[in-house]
Every structure is written in structure tokens, then in C-alpha cells.
C-alpha atoms as a PDB file:
ATOM      1  CA  MET A   1      10.240 116.211 134.021  1.00  0.00           C
ATOM      2  CA  GLY A   2       7.953 118.908 132.446  1.00  0.00           C
ATOM      3  CA  VAL A   3       4.269 118.976 131.395  1.00  0.00           C
ATOM      4  CA  TYR A   4       3.715 118.255 127.821  1.00  0.00           C
ATOM      5  CA  ASN A   5       0.922 116.962 125.445  1.00  0.00           C
ATOM      6  CA  ASN A   6       0.926 113.849 123.409  1.00  0.00           C
ATOM      7  CA  VAL A   7       0.228 114.132 119.673  1.00  0.00           C
ATOM      8  CA  GLU A   8      -1.279 111.958 117.018  1.00  0.00           C
ATOM      9  CA  PHE A   9       1.059 111.624 114.374  1.00  0.00           C
ATOM     10  CA  LYS A  10       2.567 108.590 112.575  1.00  0.00           C
ATOM     11  CA  CYS A  11       5.479 108.335 110.163  1.00  0.00           C
ATOM     12  CA  GLN A  12       8.368 106.309 109.175  1.00  0.00           C
ATOM     13  CA  CYS A  13      11.790 107.009 110.713  1.00  0.00           C
ATOM     14  CA  PRO A  14      14.134 108.454 108.249  1.00  0.00           C
ATOM     15  CA  ASN A  15      16.868 106.790 109.731  1.00  0.00           C
ATOM     16  CA  CYS A  16      15.860 102.989 109.726  1.00  0.00           C
ATOM     17  CA  GLY A  17      12.425 103.019 108.395  1.00  0.00           C
ATOM     18  CA  GLU A  18      10.513 101.665 111.617  1.00  0.00           C
ATOM     19  CA  ARG A  19       6.942 102.937 111.856  1.00  0.00           C
ATOM     20  CA  LEU A  20       6.776 105.694 114.536  1.00  0.00           C
ATOM     21  CA  ASP A  21       4.250 107.193 116.703  1.00  0.00           C
ATOM     22  CA  GLY A  22       3.994 108.638 120.427  1.00  0.00           C
ATOM     23  CA  PHE A  23       5.415 112.097 119.680  1.00  0.00           C
ATOM     24  CA  GLN A  24       5.185 114.942 122.362  1.00  0.00           C
ATOM     25  CA  THR A  25       4.564 118.658 122.046  1.00  0.00           C
ATOM     26  CA  TYR A  26       5.074 121.523 124.537  1.00  0.00           C
ATOM     27  CA  ASP A  27       3.408 123.829 122.122  1.00  0.00           C
ATOM     28  CA  GLY A  28      -0.088 125.030 123.046  1.00  0.00           C
ATOM     29  CA  GLU A  29      -1.300 124.307 126.563  1.00  0.00           C
ATOM     30  CA  PRO A  30       0.369 121.516 128.137  1.00  0.00           C
ATOM     31  CA  MET A  31      -1.770 119.313 130.244  1.00  0.00           C
ATOM     32  CA  PHE A  32      -0.928 115.619 129.254  1.00  0.00           C
ATOM     33  CA  LEU A  33      -3.664 115.765 126.677  1.00  0.00           C
ATOM     34  CA  THR A  34      -3.599 113.758 123.310  1.00  0.00           C
ATOM     35  CA  VAL A  35      -3.750 116.588 120.734  1.00  0.00           C
ATOM     36  CA  THR A  36      -3.909 116.539 117.015  1.00  0.00           C
ATOM     37  CA  ALA A  37      -0.789 117.240 114.955  1.00  0.00           C
ATOM     38  CA  ALA A  38      -3.024 119.891 113.227  1.00  0.00           C
ATOM     39  CA  SER A  39      -3.489 121.683 116.373  1.00  0.00           C
ATOM     40  CA  VAL A  40       0.410 122.186 117.115  1.00  0.00           C
ATOM     41  CA  ALA A  41       3.217 124.066 115.286  1.00  0.00           C
ATOM     42  CA  ASN A  42       5.969 121.688 116.526  1.00  0.00           C
ATOM     43  CA  PHE A  43       6.328 118.094 118.062  1.00  0.00           C
ATOM     44  CA  HIS A  44       9.367 115.621 118.381  1.00  0.00           C
ATOM     45  CA  GLY A  45      10.023 112.236 119.475  1.00  0.00           C
ATOM     46  CA  GLY A  46      12.425 109.133 119.297  1.00  0.00           C
ATOM     47  CA  CYS A  47      12.747 105.958 117.514  1.00  0.00           C
ATOM     48  CA  ASP A  48      12.795 102.623 119.630  1.00  0.00           C
ATOM     49  CA  ASN A  49      14.455 100.574 116.884  1.00  0.00           C
ATOM     50  CA  CYS A  50      17.492 102.964 115.773  1.00  0.00           C
ATOM     51  CA  GLY A  51      17.526 105.652 118.791  1.00  0.00           C
ATOM     52  CA  ALA A  52      16.913 108.398 116.301  1.00  0.00           C
ATOM     53  CA  TRP A  53      15.651 111.850 117.794  1.00  0.00           C
ATOM     54  CA  LEU A  54      13.305 113.529 115.396  1.00  0.00           C
ATOM     55  CA  GLU A  55      11.892 117.298 115.446  1.00  0.00           C
ATOM     56  CA  PHE A  56       9.070 118.302 113.254  1.00  0.00           C
ATOM     57  CA  ALA A  57       7.821 121.678 112.533  1.00  0.00           C
ATOM     58  CA  ARG A  58       5.337 123.305 109.981  1.00  0.00           C
ATOM     59  CA  ASP A  59       6.702 124.405 106.496  1.00  0.00           C
ATOM     60  CA  ASP A  60       5.099 127.759 104.886  1.00  0.00           C
ATOM     61  CA  ASN A  61       2.451 125.816 103.180  1.00  0.00           C
ATOM     62  CA  GLY A  62       1.416 124.167 106.525  1.00  0.00           C
ATOM     63  CA  ALA A  63       2.586 120.624 106.131  1.00  0.00           C
ATOM     64  CA  PHE A  64       4.979 119.320 108.527  1.00  0.00           C
ATOM     65  CA  ILE A  65       8.800 118.533 107.810  1.00  0.00           C
ATOM     66  CA  VAL A  66      11.336 117.066 109.545  1.00  0.00           C
ATOM     67  CA  THR A  67      13.830 119.729 110.927  1.00  0.00           C
ATOM     68  CA  ALA A  68      16.015 117.650 113.015  1.00  0.00           C
ATOM     69  CA  VAL A  69      17.413 114.043 113.204  1.00  0.00           C
ATOM     70  CA  THR A  70      19.729 112.965 115.243  1.00  0.00           C
ATOM     71  CA  ALA A  71      20.951 109.336 114.917  1.00  0.00           C
ATOM     72  CA  LYS A  72      22.463 107.342 117.661  1.00  0.00           C
END
């Protein structure tokens, strides 16, 4: 298991609509801290309801977009 930071970010699962939080990032200096989404370039996490895996990254305007969704 690697070192990561938790990311404060909430959204709905694009696969099932469940409310999600509990994202993680390796961006920046991972030290098991809780960081804001604004302080990182990318993060990821999963949906406990449907098992989808989501990855987020900033677009050219600085907004976060889903770059990958892997559904079980």
C-alpha cells in the first residue's frame, strides 16, 4: 500500500447516481493528509454502491472532469 492524501470532493456516480466522497490522490506530497480538490491536479476513487472506479483530472479551464469510469 502506498502513501496518498484524501481529497475533499463530493459528486454523484455517473454510473448509478450514488453520492460519492472519499477520493484519494498521489498528486503533491502524499502524507495521509486531507486536502482540497483545488490543491491537486488529479484524484480517484470508487463507488461502494455499483463498484465503478472513477478518475478525475483538471481540464484546460481548471474544472475537474471525469477522465475514466470503469464499471464492474
